[in-house]
Amino acid sequence: MNFTYPCGRGHTSVHTAAFHDDNVALIKLLLEHGADVDAKVEDGNDAVSLAKERGNLRVAELLESRFEN
């Protein structure tokens, strides 16, 4: 399965998961399988900004920690 393949608006699996749920375990799984933390959707947002927009702060924190490494 390709976790980095974007849909029509540029959303990948990690964007969708970050936007819809504060599920850290799911995000970790996606990252372990190659999800791209840096990918941007067509409006320029990344998964971190989508998570913050929805109040999914645990996911945002996890994704931000990937930028630091």
PDB file of N, CA and C in Angstrom:
ATOM      1  N   MET A   1       0.836  -1.175   0.000  1.00  0.00           N
ATOM      2  CA  MET A   1       0.000   0.000   0.000  1.00  0.00           C
ATOM      3  C   MET A   1       0.885   1.244   0.000  1.00  0.00           C
ATOM      4  N   ASN A   2       0.508   2.241  -0.770  1.00  0.00           N
ATOM      5  CA  ASN A   2       1.281   3.472  -0.879  1.00  0.00           C
ATOM      6  C   ASN A   2       0.652   4.545   0.015  1.00  0.00           C
ATOM      7  N   PHE A   3       1.321   4.863   1.127  1.00  0.00           N
ATOM      8  CA  PHE A   3       0.789   5.847   2.065  1.00  0.00           C
ATOM      9  C   PHE A   3       1.148   7.272   1.687  1.00  0.00           C
ATOM     10  N   THR A   4       1.917   7.443   0.628  1.00  0.00           N
ATOM     11  CA  THR A   4       2.321   8.786   0.226  1.00  0.00           C
ATOM     12  C   THR A   4       1.575   9.269  -1.009  1.00  0.00           C
ATOM     13  N   TYR A   5       0.760   8.421  -1.614  1.00  0.00           N
ATOM     14  CA  TYR A   5       0.052   8.786  -2.837  1.00  0.00           C
ATOM     15  C   TYR A   5      -1.060   9.789  -2.516  1.00  0.00           C
ATOM     16  N   PRO A   6      -1.029  10.959  -3.128  1.00  0.00           N
ATOM     17  CA  PRO A   6      -2.050  11.970  -2.826  1.00  0.00           C
ATOM     18  C   PRO A   6      -3.332  11.769  -3.625  1.00  0.00           C
ATOM     19  N   CYS A   7      -4.426  12.224  -3.037  1.00  0.00           N
ATOM     20  CA  CYS A   7      -5.695  12.246  -3.765  1.00  0.00           C
ATOM     21  C   CYS A   7      -5.718  13.511  -4.635  1.00  0.00           C
ATOM     22  N   GLY A   8      -6.833  13.820  -5.226  1.00  0.00           N
ATOM     23  CA  GLY A   8      -6.948  14.942  -6.146  1.00  0.00           C
ATOM     24  C   GLY A   8      -6.543  16.293  -5.588  1.00  0.00           C
ATOM     25  N   ARG A   9      -6.778  16.537  -4.307  1.00  0.00           N
ATOM     26  CA  ARG A   9      -6.420  17.828  -3.707  1.00  0.00           C
ATOM     27  C   ARG A   9      -5.070  17.800  -3.017  1.00  0.00           C
ATOM     28  N   GLY A  10      -4.349  16.696  -3.167  1.00  0.00           N
ATOM     29  CA  GLY A  10      -3.021  16.606  -2.588  1.00  0.00           C
ATOM     30  C   GLY A  10      -2.962  15.967  -1.216  1.00  0.00           C
ATOM     31  N   HIS A  11      -4.112  15.593  -0.654  1.00  0.00           N
ATOM     32  CA  HIS A  11      -4.122  14.962   0.665  1.00  0.00           C
ATOM     33  C   HIS A  11      -3.573  13.543   0.593  1.00  0.00           C
ATOM     34  N   THR A  12      -2.674  13.237   1.517  1.00  0.00           N
ATOM     35  CA  THR A  12      -2.175  11.874   1.660  1.00  0.00           C
ATOM     36  C   THR A  12      -2.847  11.262   2.884  1.00  0.00           C
ATOM     37  N   SER A  13      -2.517  10.027   3.175  1.00  0.00           N
ATOM     38  CA  SER A  13      -3.095   9.346   4.344  1.00  0.00           C
ATOM     39  C   SER A  13      -2.793  10.105   5.634  1.00  0.00           C
ATOM     40  N   VAL A  14      -1.579  10.622   5.758  1.00  0.00           N
ATOM     41  CA  VAL A  14      -1.217  11.328   6.990  1.00  0.00           C
ATOM     42  C   VAL A  14      -1.990  12.646   7.117  1.00  0.00           C
ATOM     43  N   HIS A  15      -2.258  13.316   6.023  1.00  0.00           N
ATOM     44  CA  HIS A  15      -3.082  14.536   6.085  1.00  0.00           C
ATOM     45  C   HIS A  15      -4.480  14.203   6.582  1.00  0.00           C
ATOM     46  N   THR A  16      -5.066  13.171   6.009  1.00  0.00           N
ATOM     47  CA  THR A  16      -6.424  12.785   6.380  1.00  0.00           C
ATOM     48  C   THR A  16      -6.499  12.371   7.845  1.00  0.00           C
ATOM     49  N   ALA A  17      -5.554  11.562   8.282  1.00  0.00           N
ATOM     50  CA  ALA A  17      -5.542  11.118   9.677  1.00  0.00           C
ATOM     51  C   ALA A  17      -5.319  12.290  10.629  1.00  0.00           C
ATOM     52  N   ALA A  18      -4.427  13.195  10.289  1.00  0.00           N
ATOM     53  CA  ALA A  18      -4.148  14.346  11.146  1.00  0.00           C
ATOM     54  C   ALA A  18      -5.357  15.262  11.259  1.00  0.00           C
ATOM     55  N   PHE A  19      -6.107  15.382  10.185  1.00  0.00           N
ATOM     56  CA  PHE A  19      -7.264  16.275  10.149  1.00  0.00           C
ATOM     57  C   PHE A  19      -8.454  15.703  10.911  1.00  0.00           C
ATOM     58  N   HIS A  20      -8.664  14.399  10.816  1.00  0.00           N
ATOM     59  CA  HIS A  20      -9.898  13.807  11.331  1.00  0.00           C
ATOM     60  C   HIS A  20      -9.823  13.211  12.724  1.00  0.00           C
ATOM     61  N   ASP A  21      -8.645  12.979  13.253  1.00  0.00           N
ATOM     62  CA  ASP A  21      -8.576  12.267  14.518  1.00  0.00           C
ATOM     63  C   ASP A  21      -7.273  12.578  15.241  1.00  0.00           C
ATOM     64  N   ASP A  22      -7.325  12.600  16.562  1.00  0.00           N
ATOM     65  CA  ASP A  22      -6.119  12.802  17.369  1.00  0.00           C
ATOM     66  C   ASP A  22      -5.555  11.432  17.761  1.00  0.00           C
ATOM     67  N   ASN A  23      -5.394  10.561  16.769  1.00  0.00           N
ATOM     68  CA  ASN A  23      -4.979   9.182  16.973  1.00  0.00           C
ATOM     69  C   ASN A  23      -3.477   9.049  16.719  1.00  0.00           C
ATOM     70  N   VAL A  24      -2.704   9.167  17.781  1.00  0.00           N
ATOM     71  CA  VAL A  24      -1.248   9.118  17.678  1.00  0.00           C
ATOM     72  C   VAL A  24      -0.781   7.771  17.138  1.00  0.00           C
ATOM     73  N   ALA A  25      -1.421   6.690  17.559  1.00  0.00           N
ATOM     74  CA  ALA A  25      -1.012   5.350  17.104  1.00  0.00           C
ATOM     75  C   ALA A  25      -1.144   5.228  15.588  1.00  0.00           C
ATOM     76  N   LEU A  26      -2.215   5.760  15.023  1.00  0.00           N
ATOM     77  CA  LEU A  26      -2.410   5.707  13.572  1.00  0.00           C
ATOM     78  C   LEU A  26      -1.337   6.528  12.854  1.00  0.00           C
ATOM     79  N   ILE A  27      -1.053   7.710  13.346  1.00  0.00           N
ATOM     80  CA  ILE A  27      -0.028   8.553  12.735  1.00  0.00           C
ATOM     81  C   ILE A  27       1.338   7.863  12.796  1.00  0.00           C
ATOM     82  N   LYS A  28       1.657   7.261  13.948  1.00  0.00           N
ATOM     83  CA  LYS A  28       2.928   6.532  14.070  1.00  0.00           C
ATOM     84  C   LYS A  28       3.007   5.414  13.036  1.00  0.00           C
ATOM     85  N   LEU A  29       1.921   4.677  12.867  1.00  0.00           N
ATOM     86  CA  LEU A  29       1.890   3.596  11.889  1.00  0.00           C
ATOM     87  C   LEU A  29       2.138   4.129  10.481  1.00  0.00           C
ATOM     88  N   LEU A  30       1.467   5.213  10.125  1.00  0.00           N
ATOM     89  CA  LEU A  30       1.648   5.799   8.801  1.00  0.00           C
ATOM     90  C   LEU A  30       3.093   6.268   8.601  1.00  0.00           C
ATOM     91  N   LEU A  31       3.667   6.884   9.616  1.00  0.00           N
ATOM     92  CA  LEU A  31       5.049   7.357   9.513  1.00  0.00           C
ATOM     93  C   LEU A  31       6.026   6.196   9.380  1.00  0.00           C
ATOM     94  N   GLU A  32       5.770   5.121  10.105  1.00  0.00           N
ATOM     95  CA  GLU A  32       6.623   3.936  10.008  1.00  0.00           C
ATOM     96  C   GLU A  32       6.596   3.330   8.605  1.00  0.00           C
ATOM     97  N   HIS A  33       5.514   3.588   7.883  1.00  0.00           N
ATOM     98  CA  HIS A  33       5.368   3.037   6.534  1.00  0.00           C
ATOM     99  C   HIS A  33       5.611   4.079   5.445  1.00  0.00           C
ATOM    100  N   GLY A  34       6.305   5.143   5.803  1.00  0.00           N
ATOM    101  CA  GLY A  34       6.780   6.079   4.802  1.00  0.00           C
ATOM    102  C   GLY A  34       5.928   7.301   4.526  1.00  0.00           C
ATOM    103  N   ALA A  35       4.942   7.579   5.366  1.00  0.00           N
ATOM    104  CA  ALA A  35       4.141   8.785   5.154  1.00  0.00           C
ATOM    105  C   ALA A  35       5.044  10.014   5.202  1.00  0.00           C
ATOM    106  N   ASP A  36       4.795  10.962   4.323  1.00  0.00           N
ATOM    107  CA  ASP A  36       5.633  12.156   4.179  1.00  0.00           C
ATOM    108  C   ASP A  36       5.112  13.293   5.048  1.00  0.00           C
ATOM    109  N   VAL A  37       5.854  13.619   6.100  1.00  0.00           N
ATOM    110  CA  VAL A  37       5.475  14.695   7.019  1.00  0.00           C
ATOM    111  C   VAL A  37       5.518  16.056   6.326  1.00  0.00           C
ATOM    112  N   ASP A  38       6.393  16.208   5.354  1.00  0.00           N
ATOM    113  CA  ASP A  38       6.597  17.494   4.692  1.00  0.00           C
ATOM    114  C   ASP A  38       5.619  17.789   3.555  1.00  0.00           C
ATOM    115  N   ALA A  39       4.849  16.810   3.137  1.00  0.00           N
ATOM    116  CA  ALA A  39       3.955  16.993   1.989  1.00  0.00           C
ATOM    117  C   ALA A  39       2.928  18.090   2.271  1.00  0.00           C
ATOM    118  N   LYS A  40       2.656  18.860   1.245  1.00  0.00           N
ATOM    119  CA  LYS A  40       1.682  19.950   1.340  1.00  0.00           C
ATOM    120  C   LYS A  40       0.467  19.627   0.464  1.00  0.00           C
ATOM    121  N   VAL A  41      -0.701  20.042   0.938  1.00  0.00           N
ATOM    122  CA  VAL A  41      -1.907  19.917   0.125  1.00  0.00           C
ATOM    123  C   VAL A  41      -1.998  21.126  -0.794  1.00  0.00           C
ATOM    124  N   GLU A  42      -2.990  21.153  -1.671  1.00  0.00           N
ATOM    125  CA  GLU A  42      -3.021  22.201  -2.700  1.00  0.00           C
ATOM    126  C   GLU A  42      -3.104  23.614  -2.133  1.00  0.00           C
ATOM    127  N   ASP A  43      -3.626  23.789  -0.916  1.00  0.00           N
ATOM    128  CA  ASP A  43      -3.687  25.133  -0.332  1.00  0.00           C
ATOM    129  C   ASP A  43      -2.428  25.490   0.458  1.00  0.00           C
ATOM    130  N   GLY A  44      -1.424  24.581   0.443  1.00  0.00           N
ATOM    131  CA  GLY A  44      -0.147  24.853   1.087  1.00  0.00           C
ATOM    132  C   GLY A  44      -0.014  24.340   2.506  1.00  0.00           C
ATOM    133  N   ASN A  45      -1.080  23.802   3.073  1.00  0.00           N
ATOM    134  CA  ASN A  45      -1.019  23.274   4.435  1.00  0.00           C
ATOM    135  C   ASN A  45      -0.323  21.917   4.460  1.00  0.00           C
ATOM    136  N   ASP A  46       0.333  21.653   5.579  1.00  0.00           N
ATOM    137  CA  ASP A  46       0.924  20.334   5.795  1.00  0.00           C
ATOM    138  C   ASP A  46       0.121  19.634   6.892  1.00  0.00           C
ATOM    139  N   ALA A  47       0.501  18.416   7.234  1.00  0.00           N
ATOM    140  CA  ALA A  47      -0.243  17.635   8.220  1.00  0.00           C
ATOM    141  C   ALA A  47      -0.241  18.300   9.593  1.00  0.00           C
ATOM    142  N   VAL A  48       0.853  18.953   9.957  1.00  0.00           N
ATOM    143  CA  VAL A  48       0.927  19.634  11.248  1.00  0.00           C
ATOM    144  C   VAL A  48      -0.125  20.739  11.330  1.00  0.00           C
ATOM    145  N   SER A  49      -0.203  21.563  10.314  1.00  0.00           N
ATOM    146  CA  SER A  49      -1.168  22.664  10.351  1.00  0.00           C
ATOM    147  C   SER A  49      -2.601  22.144  10.325  1.00  0.00           C
ATOM    148  N   LEU A  50      -2.848  21.055   9.601  1.00  0.00           N
ATOM    149  CA  LEU A  50      -4.190  20.470   9.591  1.00  0.00           C
ATOM    150  C   LEU A  50      -4.561  19.923  10.970  1.00  0.00           C
ATOM    151  N   ALA A  51      -3.614  19.265  11.631  1.00  0.00           N
ATOM    152  CA  ALA A  51      -3.871  18.737  12.976  1.00  0.00           C
ATOM    153  C   ALA A  51      -4.168  19.876  13.952  1.00  0.00           C
ATOM    154  N   LYS A  52      -3.374  20.934  13.883  1.00  0.00           N
ATOM    155  CA  LYS A  52      -3.597  22.078  14.777  1.00  0.00           C
ATOM    156  C   LYS A  52      -4.944  22.737  14.509  1.00  0.00           C
ATOM    157  N   GLU A  53      -5.292  22.874  13.240  1.00  0.00           N
ATOM    158  CA  GLU A  53      -6.570  23.473  12.855  1.00  0.00           C
ATOM    159  C   GLU A  53      -7.744  22.736  13.497  1.00  0.00           C
ATOM    160  N   ARG A  54      -7.639  21.425  13.609  1.00  0.00           N
ATOM    161  CA  ARG A  54      -8.714  20.607  14.170  1.00  0.00           C
ATOM    162  C   ARG A  54      -8.578  20.357  15.664  1.00  0.00           C
ATOM    163  N   GLY A  55      -7.524  20.902  16.282  1.00  0.00           N
ATOM    164  CA  GLY A  55      -7.334  20.714  17.708  1.00  0.00           C
ATOM    165  C   GLY A  55      -6.740  19.366  18.072  1.00  0.00           C
ATOM    166  N   ASN A  56      -6.146  18.694  17.103  1.00  0.00           N
ATOM    167  CA  ASN A  56      -5.515  17.394  17.333  1.00  0.00           C
ATOM    168  C   ASN A  56      -4.054  17.627  17.749  1.00  0.00           C
ATOM    169  N   LEU A  57      -3.904  18.108  18.961  1.00  0.00           N
ATOM    170  CA  LEU A  57      -2.614  18.611  19.413  1.00  0.00           C
ATOM    171  C   LEU A  57      -1.588  17.517  19.666  1.00  0.00           C
ATOM    172  N   ARG A  58      -2.017  16.325  20.090  1.00  0.00           N
ATOM    173  CA  ARG A  58      -1.047  15.234  20.289  1.00  0.00           C
ATOM    174  C   ARG A  58      -0.442  14.818  18.955  1.00  0.00           C
ATOM    175  N   VAL A  59      -1.273  14.778  17.921  1.00  0.00           N
ATOM    176  CA  VAL A  59      -0.784  14.446  16.581  1.00  0.00           C
ATOM    177  C   VAL A  59       0.145  15.546  16.077  1.00  0.00           C
ATOM    178  N   ALA A  60      -0.237  16.792  16.265  1.00  0.00           N
ATOM    179  CA  ALA A  60       0.604  17.910  15.829  1.00  0.00           C
ATOM    180  C   ALA A  60       1.970  17.853  16.504  1.00  0.00           C
ATOM    181  N   GLU A  61       1.982  17.568  17.798  1.00  0.00           N
ATOM    182  CA  GLU A  61       3.239  17.475  18.533  1.00  0.00           C
ATOM    183  C   GLU A  61       4.116  16.341  17.985  1.00  0.00           C
ATOM    184  N   LEU A  62       3.521  15.196  17.716  1.00  0.00           N
ATOM    185  CA  LEU A  62       4.278  14.072  17.159  1.00  0.00           C
ATOM    186  C   LEU A  62       4.852  14.434  15.792  1.00  0.00           C
ATOM    187  N   LEU A  63       4.044  15.022  14.941  1.00  0.00           N
ATOM    188  CA  LEU A  63       4.514  15.397  13.609  1.00  0.00           C
ATOM    189  C   LEU A  63       5.614  16.446  13.677  1.00  0.00           C
ATOM    190  N   GLU A  64       5.466  17.415  14.560  1.00  0.00           N
ATOM    191  CA  GLU A  64       6.504  18.445  14.715  1.00  0.00           C
ATOM    192  C   GLU A  64       7.816  17.833  15.198  1.00  0.00           C
ATOM    193  N   SER A  65       7.736  16.804  16.019  1.00  0.00           N
ATOM    194  CA  SER A  65       8.965  16.176  16.513  1.00  0.00           C
ATOM    195  C   SER A  65       9.714  15.502  15.354  1.00  0.00           C
ATOM    196  N   ARG A  66       9.014  15.109  14.306  1.00  0.00           N
ATOM    197  CA  ARG A  66       9.661  14.513  13.133  1.00  0.00           C
ATOM    198  C   ARG A  66      10.483  15.553  12.378  1.00  0.00           C
ATOM    199  N   PHE A  67      10.062  16.820  12.427  1.00  0.00           N
ATOM    200  CA  PHE A  67      10.817  17.884  11.770  1.00  0.00           C
ATOM    201  C   PHE A  67      12.133  18.145  12.491  1.00  0.00           C
ATOM    202  N   GLU A  68      12.143  17.922  13.796  1.00  0.00           N
ATOM    203  CA  GLU A  68      13.323  18.217  14.616  1.00  0.00           C
ATOM    204  C   GLU A  68      14.407  17.165  14.437  1.00  0.00           C
ATOM    205  N   ASN A  69      14.050  15.976  13.948  1.00  0.00           N
ATOM    206  CA  ASN A  69      15.027  14.879  13.816  1.00  0.00           C
ATOM    207  C   ASN A  69      15.736  14.892  12.495  1.00  0.00           C
TER     208      ASN A  69
END
